[in-house]
């Protein structure tokens, strides 16, 4: 009987961990940073490309003051119109999971419970409105801050790592580590918050990012 009780306790504990994890992420959404409450005019737009698992921060190339072609020539290829999507995530997941149905349990468990290597992912989009996208109005100052924050992600270790899933995207090295606390979506949330855009203080899920934005 004691053995059965111990097993039950372990099972209950394992069930409670993801419940607690999800509840904490939702509680943080009740107390977001208040960057977007400024009275500055909303002169620029950014976009959040999202699905159930992942978010990318998207910028309009025409609005950008950064020479992304110089920094990311494998993706931009001299284009002056269109959109650039920036994301970050576990290296093994990115390179071996072109669609979420291909995700292996072993890859997911390693990414969640170990400090794993990561990659930055950049994709070019001629038109983003065929995807699930959240449009966000921000000030010129916030836009410029976000651009510089994203630029620094590549300036620290900018070399090209691997081709992407198609002709218009690529992976770049990152010196960050991925785990259950530092997820692909928390990366998006952190970069937005750094730019003084209202955002939950912890965003492990895509709905945390999208739901925190006005």
Protein backbone atom coordinates (compact mmCIF):
# COMPACT_ATOMS: atom_id res chain seq x y z
CA UNK A 1 0.00 0.00 0.00
CA UNK A 2 2.81 2.41 0.83
CA UNK A 3 4.32 1.81 -2.60
CA UNK A 4 1.02 2.60 -4.29
CA UNK A 5 0.65 5.78 -2.25
CA UNK A 6 4.13 6.93 -3.26
CA UNK A 7 3.36 6.28 -6.92
CA UNK A 8 0.10 8.22 -6.63
CA UNK A 9 1.89 11.14 -4.99
CA UNK A 10 4.43 11.21 -7.80
CA UNK A 11 1.69 11.09 -10.43
CA UNK A 12 -0.25 13.88 -8.73
CA UNK A 13 2.92 15.96 -8.51
CA UNK A 14 3.64 15.42 -12.22
CA UNK A 15 0.09 16.46 -13.10
CA UNK A 16 0.24 19.56 -10.90
CA UNK A 17 3.49 20.87 -12.42
CA UNK A 18 2.05 21.80 -15.86
CA UNK A 19 -1.13 23.13 -14.22
CA UNK A 20 0.91 25.39 -11.93
CA UNK A 21 3.12 26.42 -14.88
CA UNK A 22 0.08 27.46 -16.92
CA UNK A 23 -1.61 29.26 -14.03
CA UNK A 24 1.48 31.30 -13.26
CA UNK A 25 1.80 32.35 -16.90
CA UNK A 26 -1.85 33.49 -16.86
CA UNK A 27 -1.46 35.36 -13.56
CA UNK A 28 1.42 37.39 -14.98
CA UNK A 29 -0.92 38.61 -17.72
CA UNK A 30 -2.99 40.41 -15.09
CA UNK A 31 -0.06 42.69 -14.26
CA UNK A 32 1.67 43.58 -17.53
CA UNK A 33 4.29 46.27 -17.98
CA UNK A 34 2.58 49.52 -18.90
CA UNK A 35 4.74 50.67 -21.77
CA UNK A 36 1.88 51.19 -24.21
CA UNK A 37 -0.02 53.48 -21.82
CA UNK A 38 2.06 56.48 -22.94
CA UNK A 39 0.21 59.27 -24.74
CA UNK A 40 2.66 59.34 -27.62
CA UNK A 41 1.13 59.11 -31.11
CA UNK A 42 1.02 55.65 -32.66
CA UNK A 43 2.99 56.33 -35.81
CA UNK A 44 4.20 52.82 -36.61
CA UNK A 45 2.90 49.28 -36.84
CA UNK A 46 4.47 45.97 -35.96
CA UNK A 47 2.96 42.52 -36.35
CA UNK A 48 2.99 39.33 -34.32
CA UNK A 49 2.83 36.20 -36.44
CA UNK A 50 1.53 33.36 -34.27
CA UNK A 51 0.09 29.88 -33.98
CA UNK A 52 -0.71 27.71 -30.98
CA UNK A 53 2.97 27.12 -30.24
CA UNK A 54 5.08 30.00 -31.48
CA UNK A 55 5.31 33.75 -32.10
CA UNK A 56 7.46 35.87 -34.41
CA UNK A 57 7.95 39.63 -34.32
CA UNK A 58 7.39 41.09 -37.79
CA UNK A 59 8.60 44.43 -39.17
CA UNK A 60 7.77 46.19 -42.41
CA UNK A 61 11.02 46.61 -44.38
CA UNK A 62 9.87 49.97 -45.79
CA UNK A 63 9.51 51.39 -42.28
CA UNK A 64 12.89 50.15 -41.12
CA UNK A 65 15.95 52.32 -40.55
CA UNK A 66 18.24 49.31 -40.08
CA UNK A 67 20.14 47.95 -43.07
CA UNK A 68 18.90 44.37 -42.69
CA UNK A 69 20.30 43.49 -46.10
CA UNK A 70 23.81 44.13 -44.80
CA UNK A 71 23.20 42.12 -41.64
CA UNK A 72 21.02 39.31 -43.04
CA UNK A 73 21.76 39.05 -46.78
CA UNK A 74 20.71 35.38 -46.99
CA UNK A 75 17.11 36.40 -46.28
CA UNK A 76 16.67 40.00 -47.41
CA UNK A 77 18.46 39.56 -50.76
CA UNK A 78 18.30 43.28 -51.54
CA UNK A 79 14.52 43.52 -51.20
CA UNK A 80 13.16 46.93 -50.29
CA UNK A 81 9.53 45.92 -49.76
CA UNK A 82 7.82 43.22 -47.72
CA UNK A 83 8.17 42.01 -44.16
CA UNK A 84 10.80 40.37 -41.96
CA UNK A 85 9.75 37.95 -39.23
CA UNK A 86 12.11 37.42 -36.28
CA UNK A 87 11.90 34.42 -33.97
CA UNK A 88 14.06 32.41 -31.61
CA UNK A 89 13.92 28.85 -30.34
CA UNK A 90 15.50 25.52 -29.52
CA UNK A 91 18.09 24.57 -32.14
CA UNK A 92 17.12 20.90 -32.51
CA UNK A 93 13.42 21.76 -32.75
CA UNK A 94 14.03 24.41 -35.40
CA UNK A 95 16.28 22.27 -37.58
CA UNK A 96 14.32 19.01 -37.36
CA UNK A 97 10.70 20.16 -37.09
CA UNK A 98 9.46 21.84 -40.29
CA UNK A 99 5.87 21.39 -39.04
CA UNK A 100 4.65 20.82 -35.48
CA UNK A 101 3.38 17.32 -36.32
CA UNK A 102 7.03 16.33 -36.80
CA UNK A 103 8.03 17.28 -33.26
CA UNK A 104 9.50 14.31 -31.37
CA UNK A 105 8.76 13.77 -27.68
CA UNK A 106 12.48 13.42 -26.98
CA UNK A 107 13.23 16.77 -28.61
CA UNK A 108 10.43 18.50 -26.69
CA UNK A 109 11.48 17.03 -23.34
CA UNK A 110 15.12 18.02 -23.82
CA UNK A 111 14.11 21.56 -24.76
CA UNK A 112 11.91 21.91 -21.70
CA UNK A 113 14.04 20.29 -19.01
CA UNK A 114 17.60 20.99 -20.17
CA UNK A 115 19.47 24.13 -21.16
CA UNK A 116 19.69 23.53 -24.91
CA UNK A 117 21.35 25.41 -27.76
CA UNK A 118 19.23 27.89 -29.66
CA UNK A 119 18.94 29.65 -33.00
CA UNK A 120 17.52 32.88 -34.31
CA UNK A 121 15.17 32.47 -37.27
CA UNK A 122 14.43 35.15 -39.85
CA UNK A 123 11.87 34.84 -42.62
CA UNK A 124 10.92 37.13 -45.48
CA UNK A 125 7.23 37.57 -46.34
CA UNK A 126 5.92 39.40 -49.37
CA UNK A 127 2.52 39.54 -47.68
CA UNK A 128 1.77 38.52 -44.08
CA UNK A 129 -2.01 38.76 -44.20
CA UNK A 130 -2.44 35.15 -45.25
CA UNK A 131 -1.29 34.12 -41.75
CA UNK A 132 -2.57 34.48 -38.20
CA UNK A 133 -1.28 37.92 -37.41
CA UNK A 134 -1.79 40.49 -34.66
CA UNK A 135 -1.35 44.11 -35.76
CA UNK A 136 0.01 46.44 -33.08
CA UNK A 137 0.18 50.25 -33.24
CA UNK A 138 3.23 51.70 -31.52
CA UNK A 139 5.12 54.99 -31.40
CA UNK A 140 8.10 55.83 -33.58
CA UNK A 141 10.34 55.71 -30.50
CA UNK A 142 9.12 52.22 -29.59
CA UNK A 143 9.60 51.05 -33.17
CA UNK A 144 13.17 52.32 -33.34
CA UNK A 145 13.96 50.81 -29.94
CA UNK A 146 12.60 47.42 -31.02
CA UNK A 147 14.67 47.51 -34.22
CA UNK A 148 17.87 48.15 -32.27
CA UNK A 149 17.01 45.41 -29.78
CA UNK A 150 16.50 42.91 -32.60
CA UNK A 151 19.66 44.11 -34.33
CA UNK A 152 21.69 43.46 -31.17
CA UNK A 153 20.52 39.84 -31.16
CA UNK A 154 22.48 39.37 -34.37
CA UNK A 155 25.36 41.72 -33.63
CA UNK A 156 26.49 39.62 -30.67
CA UNK A 157 26.96 36.48 -32.78
CA UNK A 158 25.66 37.19 -36.26
CA UNK A 159 26.98 34.40 -38.39
CA UNK A 160 24.72 32.38 -40.65
CA UNK A 161 23.99 28.90 -39.30
CA UNK A 162 21.74 27.05 -41.74
CA UNK A 163 19.17 27.51 -44.49
CA UNK A 164 15.58 27.68 -43.36
CA UNK A 165 12.45 25.78 -44.31
CA UNK A 166 12.23 27.42 -47.75
CA UNK A 167 13.95 29.90 -50.05
CA UNK A 168 13.13 32.99 -48.00
CA UNK A 169 14.27 32.18 -44.47
CA UNK A 170 17.42 31.23 -42.61
CA UNK A 171 18.79 30.37 -39.17
CA UNK A 172 21.45 32.35 -37.34
CA UNK A 173 23.52 31.54 -34.28
CA UNK A 174 22.40 32.64 -30.82
CA UNK A 175 24.30 32.56 -27.55
CA UNK A 176 21.12 32.19 -25.47
CA UNK A 177 19.96 28.90 -23.93
CA UNK A 178 16.47 27.45 -24.27
CA UNK A 179 14.53 25.83 -21.39
CA UNK A 180 11.08 25.69 -19.80
CA UNK A 181 11.44 29.23 -18.45
CA UNK A 182 13.16 30.79 -21.44
CA UNK A 183 10.93 29.70 -24.31
CA UNK A 184 10.52 30.93 -27.87
CA UNK A 185 7.54 33.00 -26.75
CA UNK A 186 9.26 34.45 -23.70
CA UNK A 187 11.95 35.66 -26.12
CA UNK A 188 9.29 37.53 -28.11
CA UNK A 189 7.73 38.96 -24.96
CA UNK A 190 11.08 40.05 -23.55
CA UNK A 191 12.08 41.87 -26.73
CA UNK A 192 8.74 43.70 -26.90
CA UNK A 193 8.92 44.68 -23.23
CA UNK A 194 12.48 45.95 -23.68
CA UNK A 195 11.10 48.30 -26.33
CA UNK A 196 8.62 49.67 -23.77
CA UNK A 197 5.66 47.91 -25.40
CA UNK A 198 3.08 46.71 -22.89
CA UNK A 199 3.67 43.02 -22.23
CA UNK A 200 3.26 40.36 -19.53
CA UNK A 201 6.44 39.85 -17.49
CA UNK A 202 6.60 36.18 -18.47
CA UNK A 203 5.24 34.78 -21.74
CA UNK A 204 6.01 31.05 -22.10
CA UNK A 205 3.04 30.50 -24.46
CA UNK A 206 2.01 32.26 -27.65
CA UNK A 207 -1.33 33.29 -26.14
CA UNK A 208 0.58 35.14 -23.39
CA UNK A 209 2.26 37.32 -26.03
CA UNK A 210 -0.79 37.95 -28.19
CA UNK A 211 -3.14 38.37 -25.22
CA UNK A 212 -0.91 40.97 -23.56
CA UNK A 213 -1.01 43.32 -26.54
CA UNK A 214 -3.77 45.94 -27.04
